C-alpha atoms as a PDB file:
ATOM      1  CA  MET A   1      17.497 -35.152  37.987  1.00  0.00           C
ATOM      2  CA  PHE A   2      18.783 -35.293  34.621  1.00  0.00           C
ATOM      3  CA  LYS A   3      22.044 -34.943  32.717  1.00  0.00           C
ATOM      4  CA  ILE A   4      22.959 -32.919  29.449  1.00  0.00           C
ATOM      5  CA  THR A   5      24.430 -35.314  26.982  1.00  0.00           C
ATOM      6  CA  ALA A   6      26.845 -33.822  24.231  1.00  0.00           C
ATOM      7  CA  LEU A   7      28.027 -35.571  21.262  1.00  0.00           C
ATOM      8  CA  PRO A   8      30.325 -38.628  21.977  1.00  0.00           C
ATOM      9  CA  THR A   9      33.896 -37.798  21.656  1.00  0.00           C
ATOM     10  CA  ALA A  10      34.586 -40.736  19.511  1.00  0.00           C
ATOM     11  CA  ASP A  11      32.233 -39.556  16.817  1.00  0.00           C
ATOM     12  CA  VAL A  12      33.374 -36.028  17.076  1.00  0.00           C
ATOM     13  CA  ARG A  13      36.947 -36.786  16.756  1.00  0.00           C
ATOM     14  CA  ALA A  14      36.081 -38.874  13.583  1.00  0.00           C
ATOM     15  CA  LEU A  15      34.366 -35.911  11.977  1.00  0.00           C
ATOM     16  CA  GLN A  16      37.291 -33.403  12.976  1.00  0.00           C
ATOM     17  CA  SER A  17      39.426 -36.019  11.377  1.00  0.00           C
ATOM     18  CA  GLY A  18      37.423 -35.273   7.903  1.00  0.00           C
ATOM     19  CA  GLY A  19      35.313 -38.433   8.503  1.00  0.00           C
ATOM     20  CA  PRO A  20      31.878 -38.279   6.701  1.00  0.00           C
ATOM     21  CA  ASP A  21      28.500 -36.631   8.105  1.00  0.00           C
ATOM     22  CA  ALA A  22      25.092 -37.929   8.013  1.00  0.00           C
ATOM     23  CA  TYR A  23      25.093 -37.369   4.238  1.00  0.00           C
ATOM     24  CA  GLY A  24      28.518 -39.131   3.623  1.00  0.00           C
ATOM     25  CA  ALA A  25      30.180 -35.917   3.080  1.00  0.00           C
ATOM     26  CA  ALA A  26      33.206 -34.485   4.416  1.00  0.00           C
ATOM     27  CA  PRO A  27      32.412 -31.574   7.145  1.00  0.00           C
ATOM     28  CA  GLU A  28      32.815 -28.210   5.728  1.00  0.00           C
ATOM     29  CA  ARG A  29      35.317 -25.905   7.219  1.00  0.00           C
ATOM     30  CA  ALA A  30      34.679 -22.168   8.011  1.00  0.00           C
ATOM     31  CA  VAL A  31      35.582 -19.367  10.366  1.00  0.00           C
ATOM     32  CA  ALA A  32      33.277 -18.775  13.388  1.00  0.00           C
ATOM     33  CA  SER A  33      31.486 -15.480  13.605  1.00  0.00           C
ATOM     34  CA  GLY A  34      31.367 -15.479  17.420  1.00  0.00           C
ATOM     35  CA  GLU A  35      27.939 -15.981  18.979  1.00  0.00           C
ATOM     36  CA  GLY A  36      25.674 -18.348  16.913  1.00  0.00           C
ATOM     37  CA  ASN A  37      28.395 -21.030  16.369  1.00  0.00           C
ATOM     38  CA  PRO A  38      27.637 -23.338  19.291  1.00  0.00           C
ATOM     39  CA  CYS A  39      29.871 -26.703  19.320  1.00  0.00           C
ATOM     40  CA  ARG A  40      27.734 -29.741  20.008  1.00  0.00           C
ATOM     41  CA  HIS A  41      30.638 -31.564  21.804  1.00  0.00           C
ATOM     42  CA  CYS A  42      32.044 -28.881  24.296  1.00  0.00           C
ATOM     43  CA  LEU A  43      28.591 -27.083  24.414  1.00  0.00           C
ATOM     44  CA  ARG A  44      30.152 -23.553  24.138  1.00  0.00           C
ATOM     45  CA  ASN A  45      30.123 -21.067  21.395  1.00  0.00           C
ATOM     46  CA  ILE A  46      33.079 -21.372  19.063  1.00  0.00           C
ATOM     47  CA  PRO A  47      35.305 -18.533  19.686  1.00  0.00           C
ATOM     48  CA  GLN A  48      35.223 -15.587  16.866  1.00  0.00           C
ATOM     49  CA  GLY A  49      38.124 -16.295  14.309  1.00  0.00           C
ATOM     50  CA  GLN A  50      38.350 -20.001  15.261  1.00  0.00           C
ATOM     51  CA  GLU A  51      38.136 -22.722  12.478  1.00  0.00           C
ATOM     52  CA  MET A  52      34.873 -24.607  12.975  1.00  0.00           C
ATOM     53  CA  LEU A  53      33.245 -27.573  11.109  1.00  0.00           C
ATOM     54  CA  ILE A  54      29.765 -27.424   9.604  1.00  0.00           C
ATOM     55  CA  LEU A  55      28.145 -30.732   8.927  1.00  0.00           C
ATOM     56  CA  ALA A  56      25.039 -32.541   8.697  1.00  0.00           C
ATOM     57  CA  TYR A  57      23.891 -34.515  11.958  1.00  0.00           C
ATOM     58  CA  ARG A  58      21.255 -37.089  12.679  1.00  0.00           C
ATOM     59  CA  PRO A  59      21.124 -37.737  16.324  1.00  0.00           C
ATOM     60  CA  PHE A  60      19.756 -41.326  15.618  1.00  0.00           C
ATOM     61  CA  LEU A  61      21.207 -44.689  14.968  1.00  0.00           C
ATOM     62  CA  GLU A  62      18.699 -45.654  12.228  1.00  0.00           C
ATOM     63  CA  THR A  63      16.940 -43.747   9.522  1.00  0.00           C
ATOM     64  CA  HIS A  64      13.017 -43.415  10.020  1.00  0.00           C
ATOM     65  CA  PRO A  65      10.478 -40.542   9.490  1.00  0.00           C
ATOM     66  CA  TYR A  66      11.356 -39.030  12.746  1.00  0.00           C
ATOM     67  CA  ALA A  67      15.098 -39.274  12.619  1.00  0.00           C
ATOM     68  CA  GLU A  68      15.609 -35.348  11.733  1.00  0.00           C
ATOM     69  CA  THR A  69      18.878 -34.520   9.985  1.00  0.00           C
ATOM     70  CA  GLY A  70      20.092 -31.058  10.203  1.00  0.00           C
ATOM     71  CA  PRO A  71      23.285 -28.920  10.083  1.00  0.00           C
ATOM     72  CA  ILE A  72      25.479 -28.270  13.306  1.00  0.00           C
ATOM     73  CA  PHE A  73      28.855 -26.711  14.129  1.00  0.00           C
ATOM     74  CA  LEU A  74      31.825 -28.229  15.901  1.00  0.00           C
ATOM     75  CA  CYS A  75      35.148 -26.985  16.869  1.00  0.00           C
ATOM     76  CA  ALA A  76      37.570 -28.074  13.958  1.00  0.00           C
ATOM     77  CA  LYS A  77      40.405 -28.756  16.759  1.00  0.00           C
ATOM     78  CA  PRO A  78      39.876 -31.252  19.402  1.00  0.00           C
ATOM     79  CA  CYS A  79      37.768 -29.740  22.423  1.00  0.00           C
ATOM     80  CA  GLU A  80      36.699 -31.289  25.751  1.00  0.00           C
ATOM     81  CA  ARG A  81      33.303 -33.065  25.890  1.00  0.00           C
ATOM     82  CA  TYR A  82      30.734 -31.219  28.208  1.00  0.00           C
ATOM     83  CA  ASP A  83      30.333 -33.013  31.366  1.00  0.00           C
ATOM     84  CA  GLY A  84      28.386 -30.671  33.826  1.00  0.00           C
ATOM     85  CA  ASP A  85      25.285 -30.753  35.894  1.00  0.00           C
ATOM     86  CA  ALA A  86      24.335 -27.142  34.949  1.00  0.00           C
ATOM     87  CA  LEU A  87      23.037 -25.741  31.738  1.00  0.00           C
ATOM     88  CA  PRO A  88      26.059 -25.285  29.138  1.00  0.00           C
ATOM     89  CA  GLU A  89      26.741 -22.193  27.743  1.00  0.00           C
ATOM     90  CA  ILE A  90      24.865 -23.040  24.571  1.00  0.00           C
ATOM     91  CA  LEU A  91      21.608 -23.426  26.316  1.00  0.00           C
ATOM     92  CA  THR A  92      21.736 -20.155  27.670  1.00  0.00           C
ATOM     93  CA  ALA A  93      22.411 -18.145  24.434  1.00  0.00           C
ATOM     94  CA  SER A  94      18.980 -17.820  23.276  1.00  0.00           C
ATOM     95  CA  PRO A  95      15.651 -16.654  24.858  1.00  0.00           C
ATOM     96  CA  ASP A  96      14.048 -20.000  24.313  1.00  0.00           C
ATOM     97  CA  TYR A  97      14.446 -23.461  22.841  1.00  0.00           C
ATOM     98  CA  LEU A  98      12.401 -26.480  21.352  1.00  0.00           C
ATOM     99  CA  ILE A  99      12.273 -29.226  23.685  1.00  0.00           C
ATOM    100  CA  LYS A 100      10.706 -32.640  22.962  1.00  0.00           C
ATOM    101  CA  GLY A 101      10.604 -36.236  24.493  1.00  0.00           C
ATOM    102  CA  TYR A 102      11.243 -39.415  22.640  1.00  0.00           C
ATOM    103  CA  GLY A 103      10.627 -42.910  23.638  1.00  0.00           C
ATOM    104  CA  LYS A 104      12.669 -45.960  23.607  1.00  0.00           C
ATOM    105  CA  ASP A 105      11.621 -46.540  19.903  1.00  0.00           C
ATOM    106  CA  ASP A 106      13.330 -43.069  19.089  1.00  0.00           C
ATOM    107  CA  ARG A 107       9.846 -41.410  18.052  1.00  0.00           C
ATOM    108  CA  ILE A 108       8.611 -38.300  19.284  1.00  0.00           C
ATOM    109  CA  VAL A 109       6.235 -38.937  22.498  1.00  0.00           C
ATOM    110  CA  TYR A 110       3.281 -36.705  21.277  1.00  0.00           C
ATOM    111  CA  GLY A 111       2.488 -33.806  23.626  1.00  0.00           C
ATOM    112  CA  THR A 112       5.896 -33.241  24.875  1.00  0.00           C
ATOM    113  CA  GLY A 113       7.021 -30.721  22.325  1.00  0.00           C
ATOM    114  CA  SER A 114       7.366 -27.092  23.608  1.00  0.00           C
ATOM    115  CA  ILE A 115       9.219 -23.881  22.920  1.00  0.00           C
ATOM    116  CA  THR A 116      10.279 -23.167  26.282  1.00  0.00           C
ATOM    117  CA  PRO A 117      12.022 -20.108  27.596  1.00  0.00           C
ATOM    118  CA  THR A 118      15.421 -20.578  28.670  1.00  0.00           C
ATOM    119  CA  ASP A 119      14.808 -19.793  32.347  1.00  0.00           C
ATOM    120  CA  GLN A 120      12.278 -22.655  32.346  1.00  0.00           C
ATOM    121  CA  ILE A 121      14.122 -25.317  30.743  1.00  0.00           C
ATOM    122  CA  ASP A 122      14.627 -27.219  34.041  1.00  0.00           C
ATOM    123  CA  ALA A 123      10.888 -27.093  35.005  1.00  0.00           C
ATOM    124  CA  LYS A 124      10.028 -28.328  31.336  1.00  0.00           C
ATOM    125  CA  VAL A 125      12.499 -31.063  31.364  1.00  0.00           C
ATOM    126  CA  ARG A 126      11.035 -32.343  34.802  1.00  0.00           C
ATOM    127  CA  ASP A 127       7.485 -32.143  33.514  1.00  0.00           C
ATOM    128  CA  ILE A 128       8.469 -34.065  30.304  1.00  0.00           C
ATOM    129  CA  PHE A 129      10.403 -36.864  32.233  1.00  0.00           C
ATOM    130  CA  ALA A 130       7.276 -37.306  34.526  1.00  0.00           C
ATOM    131  CA  ARG A 131       5.946 -39.177  31.587  1.00  0.00           C
ATOM    132  CA  PRO A 132       7.050 -42.846  31.895  1.00  0.00           C
ATOM    133  CA  GLU A 133       7.231 -43.255  28.230  1.00  0.00           C
ATOM    134  CA  VAL A 134       9.612 -40.787  27.734  1.00  0.00           C
ATOM    135  CA  THR A 135      13.383 -42.156  27.741  1.00  0.00           C
ATOM    136  CA  TYR A 136      15.194 -38.953  26.662  1.00  0.00           C
ATOM    137  CA  ILE A 137      14.878 -35.281  25.357  1.00  0.00           C
ATOM    138  CA  HIS A 138      16.138 -33.442  22.471  1.00  0.00           C
ATOM    139  CA  VAL A 139      17.052 -29.659  22.708  1.00  0.00           C
ATOM    140  CA  ARG A 140      16.912 -27.717  19.570  1.00  0.00           C
ATOM    141  CA  SER A 141      17.071 -24.370  18.285  1.00  0.00           C
ATOM    142  CA  ALA A 142      13.483 -22.735  18.414  1.00  0.00           C
ATOM    143  CA  ARG A 143      14.036 -20.675  15.162  1.00  0.00           C
ATOM    144  CA  ASN A 144      16.166 -22.985  12.895  1.00  0.00           C
ATOM    145  CA  ASN A 145      15.311 -26.297  14.579  1.00  0.00           C
ATOM    146  CA  CYS A 146      18.792 -27.322  14.679  1.00  0.00           C
ATOM    147  CA  TYR A 147      19.933 -30.162  17.186  1.00  0.00           C
ATOM    148  CA  GLN A 148      21.686 -28.728  20.338  1.00  0.00           C
ATOM    149  CA  ALA A 149      21.973 -31.539  22.641  1.00  0.00           C
ATOM    150  CA  ARG A 150      20.337 -34.478  24.440  1.00  0.00           C
ATOM    151  CA  ILE A 151      19.046 -34.635  27.863  1.00  0.00           C
ATOM    152  CA  ASP A 152      18.995 -37.954  29.536  1.00  0.00           C
ATOM    153  CA  ARG A 153      17.757 -39.080  32.781  1.00  0.00           C
ATOM    154  CA  ALA A 154      20.378 -38.908  35.602  1.00  0.00           C
END
């Protein structure tokens, strides 16, 4: 079993209030175009015409060579954090995703990275978690490498 983990609500509320992103800048404000603007908190696409935030995000507590930083979207208005057991909307919108495992040291566990078809995500996650050195998994865009969500053991 595993759990899809969205960004923490306290972190998101700070960003929605104008707090700094991973580069120390205030999030940019824009209007969502509909498809392709996934919120990393509610894990749904931000509806067309709704205000959204664009910001730099680093899903690691410390900087190191494997601590990738990249752009993400968030709903500009407070939204509910995803807390479900099925694949969320944003992980069904693309034909495939980049999935890779990380160890307790927040380094990539080599041999776990895979561009995975959406309908095979469950099987690939189970396969990666079969390796005891994997602590968690990141799901990223297969085309733009943008962080989508974290997957933890349940």
